[in-house]
Amino acid sequence: MTFDSVVPFREGKYLVSPLVRRTDAGCFAASVSIRSGQGSGTHDRVYRFEPRFSTPEGAQRFAAEQGRQWLLQRLAA
């Protein structure tokens, strides 16, 4: 298994990093890291998703969109 981080994006105090992992079966899994804070006050949430993708680009787009949706819900609250 290997992990590839794509270009992260920042929104307010959050840093969103979509991640793509190649599975042992040869398909691609998506996850997203959402980080806030600095130094010892840093908090990092990592969400892993069930769908598998045939391309790393598909997994990347899915992870980025899930991160954006999480931000929209958080910022609307």
Foldseek 3Di string as FASTA:
>chain_A
DDKDWDDWDDDVQKIKIKIWDQDPVGWIWIKIWIWGDDDPPIDIDIGTDDDTHRDRVVRRVVRVVVVVVVVVVVVVD
